[in-house]
Amino acid sequence: MKKDTREPQDEREFVEVEEPWGHPGPPRVDEVPTEVEARRRDATRRQQRMTRDKTGKAE
């Protein structure tokens, strides 16, 4: 068996990041920034177009 030669990870100080929505974790639906929502809609449209191109109908 190989001996583990990896260096132990140094302990990094935990830095709390203030999220723009004011609480830790992902934003709730009503807090999603508009540019993020716009990117999601565009991605959904692209996916629907690709599906339509393959099958002839949108899902």
PDB file of N, CA and C in Angstrom:
ATOM      1  N   MET A   1       0.828  -1.193   0.000  1.00  0.00           N
ATOM      2  CA  MET A   1       0.000   0.000   0.000  1.00  0.00           C
ATOM      3  C   MET A   1       0.870   1.253   0.000  1.00  0.00           C
ATOM      4  N   LYS A   2       0.380   2.287  -0.670  1.00  0.00           N
ATOM      5  CA  LYS A   2       1.116   3.540  -0.700  1.00  0.00           C
ATOM      6  C   LYS A   2       0.926   4.294   0.610  1.00  0.00           C
ATOM      7  N   LYS A   3       1.968   4.959   1.005  1.00  0.00           N
ATOM      8  CA  LYS A   3       1.883   5.787   2.204  1.00  0.00           C
ATOM      9  C   LYS A   3       1.294   7.143   1.815  1.00  0.00           C
ATOM     10  N   ASP A   4       0.412   7.660   2.646  1.00  0.00           N
ATOM     11  CA  ASP A   4      -0.212   8.955   2.363  1.00  0.00           C
ATOM     12  C   ASP A   4       0.819  10.055   2.580  1.00  0.00           C
ATOM     13  N   THR A   5       1.205  10.716   1.502  1.00  0.00           N
ATOM     14  CA  THR A   5       2.239  11.746   1.597  1.00  0.00           C
ATOM     15  C   THR A   5       1.660  13.148   1.475  1.00  0.00           C
ATOM     16  N   ARG A   6       0.349  13.244   1.498  1.00  0.00           N
ATOM     17  CA  ARG A   6      -0.260  14.570   1.381  1.00  0.00           C
ATOM     18  C   ARG A   6      -0.009  15.381   2.647  1.00  0.00           C
ATOM     19  N   GLU A   7       0.142  16.668   2.450  1.00  0.00           N
ATOM     20  CA  GLU A   7       0.304  17.580   3.585  1.00  0.00           C
ATOM     21  C   GLU A   7      -1.059  17.753   4.252  1.00  0.00           C
ATOM     22  N   PRO A   8      -1.082  17.826   5.575  1.00  0.00           N
ATOM     23  CA  PRO A   8      -2.375  18.091   6.221  1.00  0.00           C
ATOM     24  C   PRO A   8      -2.862  19.490   5.854  1.00  0.00           C
ATOM     25  N   GLN A   9      -4.148  19.626   5.665  1.00  0.00           N
ATOM     26  CA  GLN A   9      -4.719  20.925   5.298  1.00  0.00           C
ATOM     27  C   GLN A   9      -4.586  21.882   6.473  1.00  0.00           C
ATOM     28  N   ASP A  10      -4.141  23.098   6.170  1.00  0.00           N
ATOM     29  CA  ASP A  10      -4.050  24.064   7.256  1.00  0.00           C
ATOM     30  C   ASP A  10      -5.468  24.515   7.620  1.00  0.00           C
ATOM     31  N   GLU A  11      -5.643  24.809   8.889  1.00  0.00           N
ATOM     32  CA  GLU A  11      -6.976  25.235   9.317  1.00  0.00           C
ATOM     33  C   GLU A  11      -7.139  26.691   8.945  1.00  0.00           C
ATOM     34  N   ARG A  12      -8.145  26.965   8.176  1.00  0.00           N
ATOM     35  CA  ARG A  12      -8.391  28.336   7.747  1.00  0.00           C
ATOM     36  C   ARG A  12      -9.437  28.952   8.642  1.00  0.00           C
ATOM     37  N   GLU A  13      -9.257  30.218   8.871  1.00  0.00           N
ATOM     38  CA  GLU A  13     -10.204  30.928   9.718  1.00  0.00           C
ATOM     39  C   GLU A  13     -11.529  31.051   8.975  1.00  0.00           C
ATOM     40  N   PHE A  14     -12.612  30.749   9.674  1.00  0.00           N
ATOM     41  CA  PHE A  14     -13.935  30.835   9.067  1.00  0.00           C
ATOM     42  C   PHE A  14     -14.328  32.297   8.959  1.00  0.00           C
ATOM     43  N   VAL A  15     -14.603  32.724   7.747  1.00  0.00           N
ATOM     44  CA  VAL A  15     -15.029  34.099   7.521  1.00  0.00           C
ATOM     45  C   VAL A  15     -16.479  34.059   7.091  1.00  0.00           C
ATOM     46  N   GLU A  16     -17.321  34.710   7.850  1.00  0.00           N
ATOM     47  CA  GLU A  16     -18.739  34.716   7.505  1.00  0.00           C
ATOM     48  C   GLU A  16     -18.967  35.723   6.387  1.00  0.00           C
ATOM     49  N   VAL A  17     -19.593  35.266   5.327  1.00  0.00           N
ATOM     50  CA  VAL A  17     -19.862  36.119   4.179  1.00  0.00           C
ATOM     51  C   VAL A  17     -21.293  36.613   4.290  1.00  0.00           C
ATOM     52  N   GLU A  18     -21.454  37.898   4.191  1.00  0.00           N
ATOM     53  CA  GLU A  18     -22.796  38.470   4.258  1.00  0.00           C
ATOM     54  C   GLU A  18     -23.432  38.340   2.879  1.00  0.00           C
ATOM     55  N   GLU A  19     -24.503  37.605   2.805  1.00  0.00           N
ATOM     56  CA  GLU A  19     -25.197  37.415   1.540  1.00  0.00           C
ATOM     57  C   GLU A  19     -26.088  38.629   1.271  1.00  0.00           C
ATOM     58  N   PRO A  20     -26.289  38.967  -0.004  1.00  0.00           N
ATOM     59  CA  PRO A  20     -27.114  40.137  -0.309  1.00  0.00           C
ATOM     60  C   PRO A  20     -28.561  39.988   0.144  1.00  0.00           C
ATOM     61  N   TRP A  21     -29.020  38.761   0.419  1.00  0.00           N
ATOM     62  CA  TRP A  21     -30.403  38.570   0.846  1.00  0.00           C
ATOM     63  C   TRP A  21     -30.542  38.544   2.359  1.00  0.00           C
ATOM     64  N   GLY A  22     -29.431  38.740   3.095  1.00  0.00           N
ATOM     65  CA  GLY A  22     -29.517  38.954   4.526  1.00  0.00           C
ATOM     66  C   GLY A  22     -29.583  37.724   5.410  1.00  0.00           C
ATOM     67  N   HIS A  23     -29.461  36.524   4.870  1.00  0.00           N
ATOM     68  CA  HIS A  23     -29.431  35.310   5.684  1.00  0.00           C
ATOM     69  C   HIS A  23     -28.521  34.301   5.005  1.00  0.00           C
ATOM     70  N   PRO A  24     -27.945  33.384   5.777  1.00  0.00           N
ATOM     71  CA  PRO A  24     -27.047  32.396   5.175  1.00  0.00           C
ATOM     72  C   PRO A  24     -27.808  31.412   4.301  1.00  0.00           C
ATOM     73  N   GLY A  25     -27.095  30.820   3.373  1.00  0.00           N
ATOM     74  CA  GLY A  25     -27.713  29.829   2.505  1.00  0.00           C
ATOM     75  C   GLY A  25     -28.252  30.447   1.237  1.00  0.00           C
ATOM     76  N   PRO A  26     -28.922  29.628   0.441  1.00  0.00           N
ATOM     77  CA  PRO A  26     -29.437  30.128  -0.836  1.00  0.00           C
ATOM     78  C   PRO A  26     -30.609  31.080  -0.627  1.00  0.00           C
ATOM     79  N   PRO A  27     -30.855  31.949  -1.593  1.00  0.00           N
ATOM     80  CA  PRO A  27     -31.979  32.874  -1.465  1.00  0.00           C
ATOM     81  C   PRO A  27     -33.303  32.148  -1.624  1.00  0.00           C
ATOM     82  N   ARG A  28     -34.328  32.700  -0.997  1.00  0.00           N
ATOM     83  CA  ARG A  28     -35.674  32.169  -1.218  1.00  0.00           C
ATOM     84  C   ARG A  28     -36.138  32.642  -2.595  1.00  0.00           C
ATOM     85  N   VAL A  29     -37.198  32.060  -3.087  1.00  0.00           N
ATOM     86  CA  VAL A  29     -37.670  32.349  -4.444  1.00  0.00           C
ATOM     87  C   VAL A  29     -37.913  33.841  -4.648  1.00  0.00           C
ATOM     88  N   ASP A  30     -38.510  34.489  -3.661  1.00  0.00           N
ATOM     89  CA  ASP A  30     -38.815  35.911  -3.824  1.00  0.00           C
ATOM     90  C   ASP A  30     -37.586  36.805  -3.647  1.00  0.00           C
ATOM     91  N   GLU A  31     -36.426  36.228  -3.326  1.00  0.00           N
ATOM     92  CA  GLU A  31     -35.216  37.013  -3.123  1.00  0.00           C
ATOM     93  C   GLU A  31     -34.176  36.820  -4.224  1.00  0.00           C
ATOM     94  N   VAL A  32     -34.462  36.019  -5.215  1.00  0.00           N
ATOM     95  CA  VAL A  32     -33.495  35.757  -6.285  1.00  0.00           C
ATOM     96  C   VAL A  32     -33.291  37.042  -7.082  1.00  0.00           C
ATOM     97  N   PRO A  33     -32.039  37.456  -7.243  1.00  0.00           N
ATOM     98  CA  PRO A  33     -31.783  38.662  -8.025  1.00  0.00           C
ATOM     99  C   PRO A  33     -32.336  38.529  -9.445  1.00  0.00           C
ATOM    100  N   THR A  34     -32.779  39.628 -10.001  1.00  0.00           N
ATOM    101  CA  THR A  34     -33.417  39.594 -11.321  1.00  0.00           C
ATOM    102  C   THR A  34     -32.480  39.081 -12.406  1.00  0.00           C
ATOM    103  N   GLU A  35     -31.168  39.389 -12.314  1.00  0.00           N
ATOM    104  CA  GLU A  35     -30.254  38.910 -13.358  1.00  0.00           C
ATOM    105  C   GLU A  35     -30.083  37.397 -13.287  1.00  0.00           C
ATOM    106  N   VAL A  36     -30.142  36.836 -12.092  1.00  0.00           N
ATOM    107  CA  VAL A  36     -30.067  35.380 -11.950  1.00  0.00           C
ATOM    108  C   VAL A  36     -31.323  34.751 -12.539  1.00  0.00           C
ATOM    109  N   GLU A  37     -32.462  35.323 -12.232  1.00  0.00           N
ATOM    110  CA  GLU A  37     -33.727  34.811 -12.758  1.00  0.00           C
ATOM    111  C   GLU A  37     -33.742  34.896 -14.287  1.00  0.00           C
ATOM    112  N   ALA A  38     -33.218  35.972 -14.846  1.00  0.00           N
ATOM    113  CA  ALA A  38     -33.168  36.120 -16.303  1.00  0.00           C
ATOM    114  C   ALA A  38     -32.277  35.043 -16.926  1.00  0.00           C
ATOM    115  N   ARG A  39     -31.129  34.751 -16.298  1.00  0.00           N
ATOM    116  CA  ARG A  39     -30.250  33.690 -16.820  1.00  0.00           C
ATOM    117  C   ARG A  39     -30.937  32.337 -16.769  1.00  0.00           C
ATOM    118  N   ARG A  40     -31.688  32.086 -15.701  1.00  0.00           N
ATOM    119  CA  ARG A  40     -32.408  30.813 -15.592  1.00  0.00           C
ATOM    120  C   ARG A  40     -33.460  30.687 -16.688  1.00  0.00           C
ATOM    121  N   ARG A  41     -34.194  31.762 -16.935  1.00  0.00           N
ATOM    122  CA  ARG A  41     -35.211  31.728 -18.002  1.00  0.00           C
ATOM    123  C   ARG A  41     -34.565  31.476 -19.358  1.00  0.00           C
ATOM    124  N   ASP A  42     -33.441  32.155 -19.620  1.00  0.00           N
ATOM    125  CA  ASP A  42     -32.738  31.952 -20.891  1.00  0.00           C
ATOM    126  C   ASP A  42     -32.266  30.512 -21.034  1.00  0.00           C
ATOM    127  N   ALA A  43     -31.737  29.943 -19.965  1.00  0.00           N
ATOM    128  CA  ALA A  43     -31.275  28.554 -20.011  1.00  0.00           C
ATOM    129  C   ALA A  43     -32.441  27.606 -20.262  1.00  0.00           C
ATOM    130  N   THR A  44     -33.581  27.884 -19.648  1.00  0.00           N
ATOM    131  CA  THR A  44     -34.768  27.047 -19.859  1.00  0.00           C
ATOM    132  C   THR A  44     -35.216  27.134 -21.312  1.00  0.00           C
ATOM    133  N   ARG A  45     -35.217  28.339 -21.870  1.00  0.00           N
ATOM    134  CA  ARG A  45     -35.608  28.502 -23.282  1.00  0.00           C
ATOM    135  C   ARG A  45     -34.655  27.749 -24.206  1.00  0.00           C
ATOM    136  N   ARG A  46     -33.344  27.852 -23.928  1.00  0.00           N
ATOM    137  CA  ARG A  46     -32.368  27.129 -24.757  1.00  0.00           C
ATOM    138  C   ARG A  46     -32.602  25.628 -24.680  1.00  0.00           C
ATOM    139  N   GLN A  47     -32.864  25.128 -23.478  1.00  0.00           N
ATOM    140  CA  GLN A  47     -33.108  23.696 -23.299  1.00  0.00           C
ATOM    141  C   GLN A  47     -34.367  23.272 -24.046  1.00  0.00           C
ATOM    142  N   GLN A  48     -35.415  24.089 -23.975  1.00  0.00           N
ATOM    143  CA  GLN A  48     -36.655  23.761 -24.686  1.00  0.00           C
ATOM    144  C   GLN A  48     -36.428  23.758 -26.193  1.00  0.00           C
ATOM    145  N   ARG A  49     -35.629  24.715 -26.691  1.00  0.00           N
ATOM    146  CA  ARG A  49     -35.333  24.748 -28.124  1.00  0.00           C
ATOM    147  C   ARG A  49     -34.566  23.508 -28.552  1.00  0.00           C
ATOM    148  N   MET A  50     -33.589  23.079 -27.747  1.00  0.00           N
ATOM    149  CA  MET A  50     -32.820  21.883 -28.084  1.00  0.00           C
ATOM    150  C   MET A  50     -33.727  20.659 -28.097  1.00  0.00           C
ATOM    151  N   THR A  51     -34.634  20.572 -27.139  1.00  0.00           N
ATOM    152  CA  THR A  51     -35.568  19.444 -27.086  1.00  0.00           C
ATOM    153  C   THR A  51     -36.487  19.478 -28.299  1.00  0.00           C
ATOM    154  N   ARG A  52     -36.980  20.654 -28.638  1.00  0.00           N
ATOM    155  CA  ARG A  52     -37.870  20.805 -29.786  1.00  0.00           C
ATOM    156  C   ARG A  52     -37.146  20.402 -31.066  1.00  0.00           C
ATOM    157  N   ASP A  53     -35.866  20.779 -31.184  1.00  0.00           N
ATOM    158  CA  ASP A  53     -35.091  20.426 -32.374  1.00  0.00           C
ATOM    159  C   ASP A  53     -34.941  18.916 -32.517  1.00  0.00           C
ATOM    160  N   LYS A  54     -34.806  18.209 -31.400  1.00  0.00           N
ATOM    161  CA  LYS A  54     -34.614  16.762 -31.449  1.00  0.00           C
ATOM    162  C   LYS A  54     -35.917  16.015 -31.692  1.00  0.00           C
ATOM    163  N   THR A  55     -36.995  16.440 -31.055  1.00  0.00           N
ATOM    164  CA  THR A  55     -38.233  15.665 -31.093  1.00  0.00           C
ATOM    165  C   THR A  55     -39.322  16.284 -31.942  1.00  0.00           C
ATOM    166  N   GLY A  56     -39.163  17.560 -32.267  1.00  0.00           N
ATOM    167  CA  GLY A  56     -40.207  18.223 -33.023  1.00  0.00           C
ATOM    168  C   GLY A  56     -41.277  18.840 -32.138  1.00  0.00           C
ATOM    169  N   LYS A  57     -41.174  18.655 -30.831  1.00  0.00           N
ATOM    170  CA  LYS A  57     -42.137  19.279 -29.919  1.00  0.00           C
ATOM    171  C   LYS A  57     -41.423  19.688 -28.638  1.00  0.00           C
ATOM    172  N   ALA A  58     -41.917  20.727 -28.012  1.00  0.00           N
ATOM    173  CA  ALA A  58     -41.337  21.193 -26.752  1.00  0.00           C
ATOM    174  C   ALA A  58     -41.881  20.371 -25.607  1.00  0.00           C
ATOM    175  N   GLU A  59     -41.060  20.206 -24.588  1.00  0.00           N
ATOM    176  CA  GLU A  59     -41.527  19.458 -23.418  1.00  0.00           C
ATOM    177  C   GLU A  59     -42.031  20.395 -22.365  1.00  0.00           C
TER     178      GLU A  59
END
